[in-house]
């Protein structure tokens, strides 16, 4: 049997709200029978608070965030507060779970497995911690996961993998509301920076293997103009 096609696209750096609007538009297209798609990108400094998030996990004032060049956005994804910023690979899979034949819990585990496999290709031993969503290296989180499933069973939001992320931004929050664990990044573990466009292709390939998809790379210009994307950053 032929694998279902899943397009993927490296968008470069894009504003969080623009990416959110693009996800909504693409989710409607997927629900109407269009192909699944994996958006890969990075954001300018942005804190997002999930549906069940507690704003007390923001440890500083809004003015302090502004002074750091960051914004706070209330999102409709699951989870608590987290940080997005330059050097972090963000993935937004827009896929039809009914076609995929997966429930929410299985979908989350498949996202985790994708990132565990990608990190394993860099000789990083990443895994899970029982009772927590995300991907960990020892007791430090390297990838946060927070998703939304629409009424049509199409996924939105996704994962945030710390590659070259400035981890000092996490010091302004209690990441994901977890007080007894840390955060890390691939560049810190390897002692060198990583190319986001290159690593995004690794993740796309592993996503295809885990989700049994034929991954097809497309250009940002082929997506809706809703996002107002500039040329991808190199």
Protein backbone atom coordinates (compact mmCIF):
# COMPACT_ATOMS: atom_id res chain seq x y z
CA UNK A 1 0.00 0.00 0.00
CA UNK A 2 1.30 3.47 -0.86
CA UNK A 3 2.04 5.76 2.05
CA UNK A 4 -0.06 8.88 2.49
CA UNK A 5 1.70 12.06 1.50
CA UNK A 6 2.62 14.60 4.15
CA UNK A 7 4.05 17.87 2.89
CA UNK A 8 6.63 19.66 4.99
CA UNK A 9 7.93 23.19 4.82
CA UNK A 10 10.76 25.13 6.47
CA UNK A 11 9.35 28.62 7.09
CA UNK A 12 12.33 30.22 8.82
CA UNK A 13 11.53 32.78 11.52
CA UNK A 14 7.89 33.77 11.74
CA UNK A 15 5.73 35.60 14.26
CA UNK A 16 3.74 33.31 16.57
CA UNK A 17 0.35 34.81 15.75
CA UNK A 18 1.00 34.60 12.01
CA UNK A 19 1.93 30.93 12.35
CA UNK A 20 -1.18 30.33 14.46
CA UNK A 21 -3.43 31.81 11.78
CA UNK A 22 -1.70 29.73 9.13
CA UNK A 23 -2.28 26.58 11.18
CA UNK A 24 -6.00 27.32 11.42
CA UNK A 25 -6.28 27.81 7.67
CA UNK A 26 -4.31 24.67 6.88
CA UNK A 27 -6.31 22.65 9.43
CA UNK A 28 -9.50 23.58 7.55
CA UNK A 29 -7.89 22.40 4.30
CA UNK A 30 -6.79 19.10 5.88
CA UNK A 31 -10.27 18.57 7.36
CA UNK A 32 -11.68 19.04 3.86
CA UNK A 33 -9.50 16.22 2.55
CA UNK A 34 -6.25 18.04 1.76
CA UNK A 35 -2.84 16.48 2.45
CA UNK A 36 -1.33 16.52 5.91
CA UNK A 37 1.48 19.03 6.45
CA UNK A 38 4.33 19.55 8.89
CA UNK A 39 5.35 23.19 9.40
CA UNK A 40 8.91 23.68 10.66
CA UNK A 41 10.05 27.10 11.84
CA UNK A 42 11.37 29.28 14.65
CA UNK A 43 9.77 32.21 16.47
CA UNK A 44 11.04 35.54 17.78
CA UNK A 45 11.12 35.58 21.61
CA UNK A 46 7.62 34.54 22.68
CA UNK A 47 6.12 33.07 25.84
CA UNK A 48 2.92 31.11 25.40
CA UNK A 49 0.47 30.06 28.08
CA UNK A 50 -1.64 26.99 27.33
CA UNK A 51 -5.33 26.48 28.07
CA UNK A 52 -4.70 25.13 31.56
CA UNK A 53 -1.71 27.33 32.23
CA UNK A 54 -1.25 29.32 35.41
CA UNK A 55 0.04 32.85 34.94
CA UNK A 56 1.77 32.58 38.33
CA UNK A 57 4.36 30.49 36.46
CA UNK A 58 5.43 33.73 34.79
CA UNK A 59 7.99 34.89 37.35
CA UNK A 60 8.49 38.46 36.13
CA UNK A 61 6.39 41.42 35.04
CA UNK A 62 5.15 42.07 31.53
CA UNK A 63 7.52 45.05 31.48
CA UNK A 64 10.47 42.72 32.12
CA UNK A 65 9.38 40.59 29.18
CA UNK A 66 9.15 43.69 27.03
CA UNK A 67 12.64 44.73 28.14
CA UNK A 68 13.90 41.32 26.97
CA UNK A 69 12.16 41.83 23.62
CA UNK A 70 9.60 39.11 24.33
CA UNK A 71 5.80 38.91 24.31
CA UNK A 72 3.28 36.75 26.19
CA UNK A 73 0.47 35.10 24.25
CA UNK A 74 -2.44 33.02 25.58
CA UNK A 75 -2.68 30.00 23.29
CA UNK A 76 -5.35 27.33 22.79
CA UNK A 77 -2.85 24.47 22.98
CA UNK A 78 -2.59 22.11 25.93
CA UNK A 79 0.00 22.53 28.64
CA UNK A 80 1.26 25.39 30.77
CA UNK A 81 3.77 28.15 30.03
CA UNK A 82 6.79 27.74 27.76
CA UNK A 83 9.22 29.80 25.74
CA UNK A 84 9.77 29.99 21.99
CA UNK A 85 12.67 31.85 20.48
CA UNK A 86 15.52 31.97 17.98
CA UNK A 87 17.49 28.77 17.73
CA UNK A 88 14.52 26.61 18.75
CA UNK A 89 13.03 24.28 16.15
CA UNK A 90 9.24 24.46 16.35
CA UNK A 91 7.13 21.86 14.55
CA UNK A 92 3.42 22.20 13.86
CA UNK A 93 1.98 18.98 12.37
CA UNK A 94 -1.41 19.56 10.77
CA UNK A 95 -2.63 16.01 10.32
CA UNK A 96 -5.97 14.19 10.26
CA UNK A 97 -5.96 11.77 13.19
CA UNK A 98 -8.94 9.89 11.76
CA UNK A 99 -6.95 9.11 8.60
CA UNK A 100 -3.90 8.41 10.76
CA UNK A 101 -5.88 6.00 12.91
CA UNK A 102 -4.44 7.38 16.12
CA UNK A 103 -5.83 8.68 19.39
CA UNK A 104 -4.47 11.70 21.24
CA UNK A 105 -2.24 9.73 23.61
CA UNK A 106 -0.77 7.69 20.77
CA UNK A 107 -0.19 10.86 18.77
CA UNK A 108 1.75 12.46 21.62
CA UNK A 109 3.93 9.38 22.02
CA UNK A 110 4.66 9.38 18.27
CA UNK A 111 5.74 13.02 18.42
CA UNK A 112 8.05 12.19 21.30
CA UNK A 113 9.45 9.20 19.44
CA UNK A 114 10.15 11.34 16.37
CA UNK A 115 12.31 13.72 18.39
CA UNK A 116 13.98 10.95 20.38
CA UNK A 117 15.01 9.35 17.10
CA UNK A 118 16.26 12.65 15.62
CA UNK A 119 18.34 13.37 18.71
CA UNK A 120 19.62 9.80 18.68
CA UNK A 121 21.02 10.50 15.22
CA UNK A 122 23.23 13.10 16.95
CA UNK A 123 24.27 10.55 19.58
CA UNK A 124 22.10 12.15 22.24
CA UNK A 125 20.38 9.68 24.53
CA UNK A 126 16.96 11.28 24.96
CA UNK A 127 13.81 9.72 26.33
CA UNK A 128 10.65 10.13 28.37
CA UNK A 129 9.93 10.63 32.05
CA UNK A 130 6.84 8.85 33.33
CA UNK A 131 4.00 11.23 34.06
CA UNK A 132 5.36 14.05 31.88
CA UNK A 133 4.86 14.92 28.22
CA UNK A 134 7.91 15.95 26.23
CA UNK A 135 11.43 14.71 25.57
CA UNK A 136 14.14 14.68 28.20
CA UNK A 137 17.88 14.22 28.54
CA UNK A 138 18.33 12.89 32.06
CA UNK A 139 16.27 15.30 34.21
CA UNK A 140 16.34 18.21 31.75
CA UNK A 141 13.68 18.88 29.14
CA UNK A 142 14.98 19.38 25.62
CA UNK A 143 11.60 19.40 23.83
CA UNK A 144 8.20 20.61 25.00
CA UNK A 145 4.98 19.34 23.43
CA UNK A 146 1.57 21.00 23.53
CA UNK A 147 -1.20 20.30 21.04
CA UNK A 148 -4.77 21.02 20.10
CA UNK A 149 -7.13 18.59 18.39
CA UNK A 150 -9.97 20.28 16.51
CA UNK A 151 -13.56 19.05 16.42
CA UNK A 152 -12.72 17.51 13.03
CA UNK A 153 -9.82 15.59 14.68
CA UNK A 154 -7.11 17.62 12.97
CA UNK A 155 -4.00 18.49 14.97
CA UNK A 156 -2.59 21.94 15.62
CA UNK A 157 0.41 23.27 17.58
CA UNK A 158 3.05 20.63 18.31
CA UNK A 159 6.63 20.59 19.61
CA UNK A 160 9.45 22.98 20.47
CA UNK A 161 12.94 21.46 20.35
CA UNK A 162 15.80 23.40 21.89
CA UNK A 163 18.70 23.38 19.44
CA UNK A 164 20.59 26.69 19.83
CA UNK A 165 18.06 28.28 22.19
CA UNK A 166 19.19 30.95 24.68
CA UNK A 167 18.19 29.05 27.81
CA UNK A 168 18.33 32.17 30.01
CA UNK A 169 14.82 33.00 28.79
CA UNK A 170 13.52 29.97 30.67
CA UNK A 171 14.73 31.58 33.91
CA UNK A 172 11.83 34.04 33.70
CA UNK A 173 9.22 31.27 33.98
CA UNK A 174 8.54 27.95 35.65
CA UNK A 175 8.73 25.96 32.40
CA UNK A 176 5.58 23.90 31.88
CA UNK A 177 4.80 24.49 35.56
CA UNK A 178 7.47 21.95 36.58
CA UNK A 179 9.59 23.12 39.51
CA UNK A 180 12.03 20.25 40.05
CA UNK A 181 13.52 19.74 36.58
CA UNK A 182 15.68 21.79 34.23
CA UNK A 183 15.92 22.56 30.53
CA UNK A 184 18.71 21.96 28.06
CA UNK A 185 19.55 22.41 24.39
CA UNK A 186 21.36 20.33 21.79
CA UNK A 187 24.05 22.99 21.31
CA UNK A 188 24.86 22.89 25.02
CA UNK A 189 25.10 19.11 24.98
CA UNK A 190 27.29 19.02 21.87
CA UNK A 191 29.31 22.18 22.44
CA UNK A 192 28.46 23.59 19.01
CA UNK A 193 25.56 25.20 17.20
CA UNK A 194 23.26 23.25 14.91
CA UNK A 195 21.76 24.31 11.56
CA UNK A 196 18.01 24.60 12.02
CA UNK A 197 17.15 24.08 8.32
CA UNK A 198 19.33 20.96 8.23
CA UNK A 199 17.96 19.57 11.46
CA UNK A 200 14.41 20.30 10.32
CA UNK A 201 14.96 17.91 7.39
CA UNK A 202 16.21 15.25 9.79
CA UNK A 203 13.08 15.67 11.89
CA UNK A 204 10.84 15.57 8.80
CA UNK A 205 12.44 12.29 7.71
CA UNK A 206 12.00 10.75 11.16
CA UNK A 207 8.43 12.06 11.33
CA UNK A 208 7.71 10.24 8.08
CA UNK A 209 9.14 7.01 9.46
CA UNK A 210 7.22 7.17 12.72
CA UNK A 211 3.93 8.30 11.17
CA UNK A 212 4.32 6.12 8.05
CA UNK A 213 4.11 9.09 5.67
CA UNK A 214 5.76 9.94 2.38
CA UNK A 215 7.34 13.30 3.18
CA UNK A 216 7.36 15.86 0.36
CA UNK A 217 9.23 19.14 0.83
CA UNK A 218 7.39 22.23 -0.40
CA UNK A 219 8.34 25.91 -0.56
CA UNK A 220 6.75 28.58 1.66
CA UNK A 221 5.41 30.32 -1.43
CA UNK A 222 3.08 27.39 -2.02
CA UNK A 223 1.33 27.98 1.31
CA UNK A 224 -1.41 30.50 1.99
CA UNK A 225 -0.43 34.16 2.08
CA UNK A 226 -2.07 34.34 5.51
CA UNK A 227 1.26 33.97 7.29
CA UNK A 228 2.91 36.82 5.46
CA UNK A 229 6.15 34.82 5.48
CA UNK A 230 9.42 36.33 4.46
CA UNK A 231 12.09 34.24 2.78
CA UNK A 232 13.25 31.48 5.13
CA UNK A 233 16.28 32.30 7.25
CA UNK A 234 19.36 30.27 6.44
